[in-house]
Amino acid sequence: MSAEQQYPTMPTDDLCEIGVAEISAENSVCFMWTTNPLFKDGIRVLESWGFEYKTNIVWIKDRHTAGFYVFGQHEILLIGVRGSLLPTGEKPKSIIKGANLIHSKKPKETYRIIEKMYPGALDKTFYCELFCRETEPGWKGWGNEV
C-alpha cells in the first residue's frame, strides 16, 4: 500500500528544495497533505518552503488502510502561512469525512473548503496545486500526471 508502489515519489530533502517560496506571495497560505508516519517530514517541507505551521484539517476515511502500529483511517491537511493571511471567508470544521476510493486521491470537497476560506482569490492571484493527479477548474495544476 505504500505510495512508492503506486506512483513515483520524491525524498523529503528533494521536496524541501522545490522553489515554492519563489512563486508564493509575501502573504500566502499553503495547504499540504501528509500522513501520520510522515507528519514531521510534512512540517519540515512546509517550513523549508517559507511557511509557518498553524493548524490542520483531518480527513476521516470511510475505510482504513494498512499500517505498522495502527490501521490508518485518516490523513492530515497541514495549513501553513507565509506572512499574515487569516481566512477572509468561512472557517471550516477541522474534519472532512469522505470515501477512500483510489490510493492518494483526496476528497474534492477540499477545493471548495479552501475556496470558501479565501473567496475571490482568483481575482487577485491563483490557487495552485502541486503534484495533482488531474486539474481542477480555476486552479493551476502541476504534476507528472497532468
N, C-alpha and C. Protein backbone atom coordinates (compact mmCIF):
# COMPACT_ATOMS: atom_id res chain seq x y z
N MET A 1 0.81 -1.21 0.00
CA MET A 1 0.00 0.00 0.00
C MET A 1 0.84 1.27 0.00
N SER A 2 2.17 1.15 0.03
CA SER A 2 2.99 2.35 0.09
C SER A 2 2.86 3.17 -1.19
N ALA A 3 3.08 4.46 -1.03
CA ALA A 3 2.99 5.37 -2.19
C ALA A 3 3.98 4.97 -3.27
N GLU A 4 5.17 4.54 -2.87
CA GLU A 4 6.21 4.17 -3.83
C GLU A 4 5.75 3.06 -4.78
N GLN A 5 4.83 2.22 -4.33
CA GLN A 5 4.32 1.15 -5.17
C GLN A 5 3.20 1.61 -6.10
N GLN A 6 2.72 2.84 -5.89
CA GLN A 6 1.59 3.36 -6.67
C GLN A 6 2.02 4.36 -7.75
N TYR A 7 3.04 5.17 -7.44
CA TYR A 7 3.48 6.23 -8.35
C TYR A 7 4.86 6.70 -7.91
N PRO A 8 5.58 7.46 -8.76
CA PRO A 8 6.90 7.95 -8.38
C PRO A 8 6.80 8.92 -7.19
N THR A 9 7.73 8.83 -6.28
CA THR A 9 7.77 9.73 -5.13
C THR A 9 9.12 10.43 -5.09
N MET A 10 9.24 11.40 -4.20
CA MET A 10 10.50 12.15 -4.04
C MET A 10 10.94 12.07 -2.59
N PRO A 11 12.26 12.02 -2.36
CA PRO A 11 12.75 12.08 -0.98
C PRO A 11 12.41 13.45 -0.36
N THR A 12 12.26 13.46 0.95
CA THR A 12 11.92 14.71 1.66
C THR A 12 12.91 15.82 1.35
N ASP A 13 14.20 15.52 1.31
CA ASP A 13 15.20 16.55 1.02
C ASP A 13 14.95 17.20 -0.34
N ASP A 14 14.56 16.40 -1.33
CA ASP A 14 14.27 16.94 -2.66
C ASP A 14 13.01 17.81 -2.64
N LEU A 15 12.00 17.39 -1.89
CA LEU A 15 10.79 18.21 -1.76
C LEU A 15 11.12 19.56 -1.15
N CYS A 16 12.00 19.55 -0.16
CA CYS A 16 12.39 20.80 0.50
C CYS A 16 13.07 21.77 -0.46
N GLU A 17 13.70 21.25 -1.51
CA GLU A 17 14.43 22.08 -2.47
C GLU A 17 13.54 22.70 -3.55
N ILE A 18 12.29 22.29 -3.64
CA ILE A 18 11.40 22.87 -4.66
C ILE A 18 11.20 24.35 -4.33
N GLY A 19 11.29 25.21 -5.31
CA GLY A 19 11.26 26.66 -5.11
C GLY A 19 9.89 27.25 -4.87
N VAL A 20 9.13 26.69 -3.95
CA VAL A 20 7.79 27.20 -3.67
C VAL A 20 7.84 28.63 -3.14
N ALA A 21 8.83 28.94 -2.32
CA ALA A 21 8.94 30.30 -1.77
C ALA A 21 9.04 31.34 -2.89
N GLU A 22 9.71 30.98 -3.99
CA GLU A 22 9.88 31.94 -5.10
C GLU A 22 8.59 32.23 -5.84
N ILE A 23 7.62 31.31 -5.81
CA ILE A 23 6.36 31.55 -6.52
C ILE A 23 5.22 31.94 -5.57
N SER A 24 5.52 32.04 -4.30
CA SER A 24 4.50 32.37 -3.30
C SER A 24 4.51 33.86 -3.01
N ALA A 25 3.32 34.41 -2.79
CA ALA A 25 3.20 35.82 -2.41
C ALA A 25 3.75 36.02 -1.01
N GLU A 26 4.07 37.26 -0.70
CA GLU A 26 4.59 37.60 0.64
C GLU A 26 3.61 37.15 1.72
N ASN A 27 2.33 37.30 1.47
CA ASN A 27 1.28 36.82 2.38
C ASN A 27 0.52 35.73 1.64
N SER A 28 0.75 34.49 2.02
CA SER A 28 0.09 33.37 1.35
C SER A 28 -0.10 32.21 2.31
N VAL A 29 -0.89 31.26 1.85
CA VAL A 29 -1.23 30.10 2.66
C VAL A 29 -0.88 28.84 1.87
N CYS A 30 -0.39 27.83 2.57
CA CYS A 30 -0.07 26.55 1.96
C CYS A 30 -0.87 25.46 2.67
N PHE A 31 -1.60 24.70 1.90
CA PHE A 31 -2.32 23.52 2.40
C PHE A 31 -1.55 22.32 1.86
N MET A 32 -1.10 21.45 2.74
CA MET A 32 -0.28 20.33 2.30
C MET A 32 -0.70 19.03 2.98
N TRP A 33 -0.98 18.02 2.16
CA TRP A 33 -1.37 16.71 2.69
C TRP A 33 -0.16 15.96 3.21
N THR A 34 -0.35 15.28 4.33
CA THR A 34 0.66 14.38 4.86
C THR A 34 -0.04 13.22 5.57
N THR A 35 0.72 12.22 5.88
CA THR A 35 0.19 11.07 6.62
C THR A 35 0.84 11.06 8.00
N ASN A 36 0.30 10.28 8.90
CA ASN A 36 0.87 10.20 10.25
C ASN A 36 2.34 9.81 10.26
N PRO A 37 2.75 8.76 9.53
CA PRO A 37 4.17 8.40 9.58
C PRO A 37 5.10 9.49 9.05
N LEU A 38 4.59 10.36 8.18
CA LEU A 38 5.42 11.41 7.58
C LEU A 38 5.05 12.81 8.09
N PHE A 39 4.38 12.87 9.23
CA PHE A 39 3.94 14.15 9.77
C PHE A 39 5.12 15.11 9.98
N LYS A 40 6.18 14.65 10.63
CA LYS A 40 7.35 15.52 10.88
C LYS A 40 7.99 15.96 9.57
N ASP A 41 8.04 15.07 8.58
CA ASP A 41 8.59 15.44 7.28
C ASP A 41 7.72 16.51 6.63
N GLY A 42 6.39 16.38 6.76
CA GLY A 42 5.48 17.37 6.21
C GLY A 42 5.73 18.75 6.79
N ILE A 43 5.90 18.82 8.10
CA ILE A 43 6.20 20.11 8.75
C ILE A 43 7.53 20.65 8.24
N ARG A 44 8.51 19.77 8.09
CA ARG A 44 9.83 20.20 7.61
C ARG A 44 9.74 20.78 6.20
N VAL A 45 8.99 20.13 5.32
CA VAL A 45 8.82 20.63 3.95
C VAL A 45 8.10 21.98 3.97
N LEU A 46 7.03 22.06 4.73
CA LEU A 46 6.26 23.30 4.85
C LEU A 46 7.17 24.45 5.27
N GLU A 47 7.98 24.23 6.29
CA GLU A 47 8.89 25.28 6.79
C GLU A 47 9.99 25.60 5.79
N SER A 48 10.49 24.59 5.07
CA SER A 48 11.54 24.86 4.08
C SER A 48 11.02 25.73 2.95
N TRP A 49 9.71 25.68 2.72
CA TRP A 49 9.09 26.50 1.68
C TRP A 49 8.73 27.90 2.20
N GLY A 50 9.06 28.19 3.44
CA GLY A 50 8.83 29.52 3.98
C GLY A 50 7.50 29.71 4.69
N PHE A 51 6.83 28.62 5.06
CA PHE A 51 5.54 28.69 5.73
C PHE A 51 5.65 28.25 7.18
N GLU A 52 4.90 28.91 8.03
CA GLU A 52 4.85 28.55 9.45
C GLU A 52 3.59 27.72 9.69
N TYR A 53 3.78 26.54 10.27
CA TYR A 53 2.65 25.66 10.55
C TYR A 53 1.70 26.34 11.52
N LYS A 54 0.39 26.30 11.20
CA LYS A 54 -0.63 26.91 12.06
C LYS A 54 -1.60 25.89 12.63
N THR A 55 -2.13 25.02 11.78
CA THR A 55 -3.14 24.05 12.23
C THR A 55 -3.31 23.00 11.14
N ASN A 56 -4.36 22.16 11.28
CA ASN A 56 -4.60 21.16 10.26
C ASN A 56 -6.08 20.79 10.19
N ILE A 57 -6.42 20.14 9.11
CA ILE A 57 -7.73 19.53 8.92
C ILE A 57 -7.48 18.04 8.74
N VAL A 58 -8.31 17.21 9.33
CA VAL A 58 -8.15 15.77 9.24
C VAL A 58 -9.23 15.19 8.34
N TRP A 59 -8.80 14.38 7.38
CA TRP A 59 -9.73 13.66 6.50
C TRP A 59 -9.94 12.29 7.11
N ILE A 60 -11.15 12.04 7.57
CA ILE A 60 -11.51 10.74 8.12
C ILE A 60 -12.08 9.91 6.97
N LYS A 61 -11.40 8.83 6.66
CA LYS A 61 -11.77 7.98 5.54
C LYS A 61 -12.84 6.97 5.95
N ASP A 62 -13.61 6.54 4.98
CA ASP A 62 -14.68 5.58 5.26
C ASP A 62 -14.16 4.16 5.53
N ARG A 63 -12.91 3.91 5.15
CA ARG A 63 -12.31 2.60 5.44
C ARG A 63 -10.82 2.79 5.69
N HIS A 64 -10.25 1.87 6.42
CA HIS A 64 -8.84 2.02 6.79
C HIS A 64 -7.91 1.39 5.77
N THR A 65 -6.64 1.76 5.90
CA THR A 65 -5.57 1.16 5.11
C THR A 65 -4.59 0.50 6.08
N ALA A 66 -3.58 -0.11 5.53
CA ALA A 66 -2.60 -0.80 6.36
C ALA A 66 -1.80 0.19 7.20
N GLY A 67 -1.09 -0.34 8.16
CA GLY A 67 -0.22 0.47 9.00
C GLY A 67 0.63 -0.43 9.86
N PHE A 68 1.77 0.07 10.31
CA PHE A 68 2.67 -0.74 11.14
C PHE A 68 2.20 -0.82 12.59
N TYR A 69 1.63 0.26 13.11
CA TYR A 69 1.22 0.29 14.51
C TYR A 69 -0.29 0.32 14.68
N VAL A 70 -0.97 1.03 13.81
CA VAL A 70 -2.43 1.09 13.81
C VAL A 70 -2.90 1.08 12.35
N PHE A 71 -4.15 0.71 12.12
CA PHE A 71 -4.72 0.82 10.78
C PHE A 71 -5.04 2.29 10.54
N GLY A 72 -4.45 2.86 9.50
CA GLY A 72 -4.66 4.27 9.21
C GLY A 72 -6.00 4.54 8.57
N GLN A 73 -6.76 5.43 9.20
CA GLN A 73 -8.06 5.78 8.64
C GLN A 73 -8.22 7.29 8.50
N HIS A 74 -7.10 8.01 8.52
CA HIS A 74 -7.18 9.45 8.29
C HIS A 74 -5.88 9.98 7.70
N GLU A 75 -5.98 11.12 7.04
CA GLU A 75 -4.82 11.86 6.56
C GLU A 75 -4.94 13.28 7.07
N ILE A 76 -3.83 13.99 7.04
CA ILE A 76 -3.75 15.31 7.65
C ILE A 76 -3.46 16.35 6.57
N LEU A 77 -4.25 17.41 6.56
CA LEU A 77 -4.04 18.54 5.67
C LEU A 77 -3.43 19.66 6.50
N LEU A 78 -2.11 19.81 6.38
CA LEU A 78 -1.41 20.86 7.12
C LEU A 78 -1.77 22.23 6.55
N ILE A 79 -1.86 23.21 7.42
CA ILE A 79 -2.10 24.58 6.98
C ILE A 79 -0.96 25.44 7.52
N GLY A 80 -0.23 26.04 6.60
CA GLY A 80 0.88 26.92 6.96
C GLY A 80 0.71 28.28 6.33
N VAL A 81 1.26 29.29 6.97
CA VAL A 81 1.11 30.66 6.48
C VAL A 81 2.48 31.30 6.30
N ARG A 82 2.59 32.05 5.23
CA ARG A 82 3.76 32.89 4.98
C ARG A 82 3.28 34.32 5.14
N GLY A 83 3.92 35.08 6.00
CA GLY A 83 3.44 36.43 6.29
C GLY A 83 2.20 36.34 7.16
N SER A 84 1.14 37.01 6.75
CA SER A 84 -0.11 37.00 7.51
C SER A 84 -1.26 36.87 6.53
N LEU A 85 -2.06 35.84 6.71
CA LEU A 85 -3.19 35.66 5.81
C LEU A 85 -4.28 34.82 6.50
N LEU A 86 -5.01 35.48 7.37
CA LEU A 86 -6.14 34.81 8.01
C LEU A 86 -7.24 34.63 6.97
N PRO A 87 -8.08 33.60 7.11
CA PRO A 87 -9.18 33.42 6.17
C PRO A 87 -10.09 34.64 6.15
N THR A 88 -10.54 35.00 4.96
CA THR A 88 -11.48 36.12 4.83
C THR A 88 -12.90 35.63 4.65
N GLY A 89 -13.06 34.35 4.47
CA GLY A 89 -14.38 33.75 4.27
C GLY A 89 -14.74 32.80 5.39
N GLU A 90 -15.41 31.72 5.04
CA GLU A 90 -15.90 30.75 6.01
C GLU A 90 -14.75 29.98 6.66
N LYS A 91 -14.88 29.77 7.96
CA LYS A 91 -13.94 28.89 8.66
C LYS A 91 -14.54 27.49 8.66
N PRO A 92 -13.79 26.51 8.15
CA PRO A 92 -14.33 25.15 8.11
C PRO A 92 -14.15 24.44 9.45
N LYS A 93 -14.84 23.34 9.59
CA LYS A 93 -14.60 22.45 10.72
C LYS A 93 -13.26 21.76 10.48
N SER A 94 -12.69 21.20 11.51
CA SER A 94 -11.35 20.61 11.40
C SER A 94 -11.37 19.18 10.89
N ILE A 95 -12.52 18.67 10.46
CA ILE A 95 -12.57 17.33 9.88
C ILE A 95 -13.35 17.32 8.57
N ILE A 96 -12.93 16.42 7.71
CA ILE A 96 -13.63 16.11 6.47
C ILE A 96 -13.90 14.62 6.54
N LYS A 97 -15.12 14.21 6.26
CA LYS A 97 -15.43 12.79 6.19
C LYS A 97 -15.64 12.44 4.73
N GLY A 98 -15.04 11.34 4.28
CA GLY A 98 -15.22 11.01 2.88
C GLY A 98 -14.71 9.64 2.51
N ALA A 99 -15.04 9.26 1.31
CA ALA A 99 -14.68 7.96 0.78
C ALA A 99 -13.19 7.88 0.45
N ASN A 100 -12.64 6.72 0.64
CA ASN A 100 -11.26 6.42 0.31
C ASN A 100 -11.31 5.49 -0.90
N LEU A 101 -11.37 6.06 -2.11
CA LEU A 101 -11.63 5.28 -3.31
C LEU A 101 -10.37 4.81 -4.04
N ILE A 102 -9.46 5.73 -4.27
CA ILE A 102 -8.24 5.45 -5.04
C ILE A 102 -7.05 5.91 -4.20
N HIS A 103 -5.96 5.15 -4.24
CA HIS A 103 -4.79 5.49 -3.43
C HIS A 103 -4.39 6.95 -3.64
N SER A 104 -4.30 7.68 -2.56
CA SER A 104 -3.86 9.08 -2.51
C SER A 104 -4.82 10.08 -3.16
N LYS A 105 -5.96 9.65 -3.63
CA LYS A 105 -6.93 10.59 -4.20
C LYS A 105 -7.67 11.28 -3.06
N LYS A 106 -7.51 12.57 -2.98
CA LYS A 106 -8.08 13.35 -1.89
C LYS A 106 -9.52 13.75 -2.22
N PRO A 107 -10.29 14.05 -1.19
CA PRO A 107 -11.70 14.43 -1.42
C PRO A 107 -11.81 15.76 -2.17
N LYS A 108 -12.68 15.79 -3.18
CA LYS A 108 -12.91 17.01 -3.98
C LYS A 108 -13.37 18.17 -3.10
N GLU A 109 -14.02 17.84 -2.02
CA GLU A 109 -14.52 18.85 -1.09
C GLU A 109 -13.41 19.79 -0.61
N THR A 110 -12.19 19.31 -0.62
CA THR A 110 -11.06 20.12 -0.15
C THR A 110 -10.92 21.41 -0.96
N TYR A 111 -11.12 21.33 -2.27
CA TYR A 111 -11.04 22.53 -3.10
C TYR A 111 -12.06 23.57 -2.65
N ARG A 112 -13.29 23.11 -2.43
CA ARG A 112 -14.37 24.03 -2.03
C ARG A 112 -14.08 24.64 -0.65
N ILE A 113 -13.53 23.86 0.25
CA ILE A 113 -13.19 24.37 1.58
C ILE A 113 -12.19 25.51 1.45
N ILE A 114 -11.14 25.30 0.68
CA ILE A 114 -10.10 26.33 0.50
C ILE A 114 -10.69 27.56 -0.18
N GLU A 115 -11.49 27.36 -1.22
CA GLU A 115 -12.11 28.48 -1.93
C GLU A 115 -13.04 29.27 -1.04
N LYS A 116 -13.75 28.60 -0.14
CA LYS A 116 -14.64 29.31 0.79
C LYS A 116 -13.86 30.04 1.87
N MET A 117 -12.72 29.49 2.28
CA MET A 117 -11.88 30.17 3.27
C MET A 117 -11.27 31.45 2.69
N TYR A 118 -10.91 31.39 1.41
CA TYR A 118 -10.26 32.51 0.72
C TYR A 118 -11.04 32.84 -0.55
N PRO A 119 -12.25 33.37 -0.40
CA PRO A 119 -13.07 33.67 -1.59
C PRO A 119 -12.47 34.81 -2.40
N GLY A 120 -12.66 34.73 -3.70
CA GLY A 120 -12.19 35.80 -4.57
C GLY A 120 -10.71 35.81 -4.80
N ALA A 121 -10.01 34.77 -4.36
CA ALA A 121 -8.56 34.75 -4.54
C ALA A 121 -8.19 34.75 -6.02
N LEU A 122 -9.07 34.20 -6.86
CA LEU A 122 -8.77 34.19 -8.29
C LEU A 122 -8.74 35.59 -8.88
N ASP A 123 -9.42 36.54 -8.25
CA ASP A 123 -9.40 37.92 -8.73
C ASP A 123 -8.04 38.56 -8.49
N LYS A 124 -7.30 38.08 -7.48
CA LYS A 124 -6.04 38.70 -7.09
C LYS A 124 -4.83 37.87 -7.49
N THR A 125 -4.95 36.58 -7.45
CA THR A 125 -3.83 35.68 -7.71
C THR A 125 -4.41 34.36 -8.20
N PHE A 126 -3.91 33.25 -7.72
CA PHE A 126 -4.47 31.98 -8.14
C PHE A 126 -4.29 30.91 -7.07
N TYR A 127 -5.13 29.90 -7.22
CA TYR A 127 -4.98 28.69 -6.41
C TYR A 127 -4.05 27.78 -7.21
N CYS A 128 -3.12 27.16 -6.55
CA CYS A 128 -2.16 26.29 -7.23
C CYS A 128 -2.05 24.97 -6.49
N GLU A 129 -2.06 23.88 -7.23
CA GLU A 129 -1.92 22.56 -6.62
C GLU A 129 -0.69 21.88 -7.21
N LEU A 130 0.23 21.49 -6.34
CA LEU A 130 1.42 20.76 -6.76
C LEU A 130 1.16 19.26 -6.64
N PHE A 131 1.73 18.50 -7.53
CA PHE A 131 1.61 17.04 -7.55
C PHE A 131 0.17 16.58 -7.73
N CYS A 132 -0.61 17.34 -8.47
CA CYS A 132 -2.01 16.94 -8.68
C CYS A 132 -2.08 15.79 -9.68
N ARG A 133 -3.16 15.06 -9.59
CA ARG A 133 -3.39 13.93 -10.50
C ARG A 133 -4.30 14.35 -11.65
N GLU A 134 -5.04 15.40 -11.46
CA GLU A 134 -5.90 15.97 -12.50
C GLU A 134 -6.06 17.45 -12.17
N THR A 135 -6.41 18.25 -13.17
CA THR A 135 -6.56 19.67 -12.91
C THR A 135 -7.99 19.96 -12.45
N GLU A 136 -8.10 20.95 -11.62
CA GLU A 136 -9.39 21.40 -11.09
C GLU A 136 -9.71 22.75 -11.72
N PRO A 137 -10.94 22.97 -12.20
CA PRO A 137 -11.28 24.27 -12.79
C PRO A 137 -10.98 25.42 -11.82
N GLY A 138 -10.33 26.45 -12.35
CA GLY A 138 -9.98 27.62 -11.54
C GLY A 138 -8.67 27.47 -10.78
N TRP A 139 -8.02 26.34 -10.90
CA TRP A 139 -6.75 26.07 -10.20
C TRP A 139 -5.64 25.85 -11.22
N LYS A 140 -4.44 26.30 -10.87
CA LYS A 140 -3.24 25.95 -11.64
C LYS A 140 -2.79 24.59 -11.11
N GLY A 141 -2.50 23.69 -12.00
CA GLY A 141 -2.08 22.36 -11.60
C GLY A 141 -0.69 22.02 -12.11
N TRP A 142 0.07 21.33 -11.28
CA TRP A 142 1.42 20.91 -11.67
C TRP A 142 1.63 19.50 -11.14
N GLY A 143 2.17 18.64 -11.97
CA GLY A 143 2.46 17.28 -11.56
C GLY A 143 2.74 16.41 -12.77
N ASN A 144 3.26 15.22 -12.53
CA ASN A 144 3.64 14.36 -13.65
C ASN A 144 2.44 13.64 -14.28
N GLU A 145 1.25 13.84 -13.72
CA GLU A 145 0.05 13.20 -14.28
C GLU A 145 -0.84 14.19 -15.03
N VAL A 146 -0.46 15.47 -15.06
CA VAL A 146 -1.26 16.48 -15.78
C VAL A 146 -0.42 17.17 -16.84
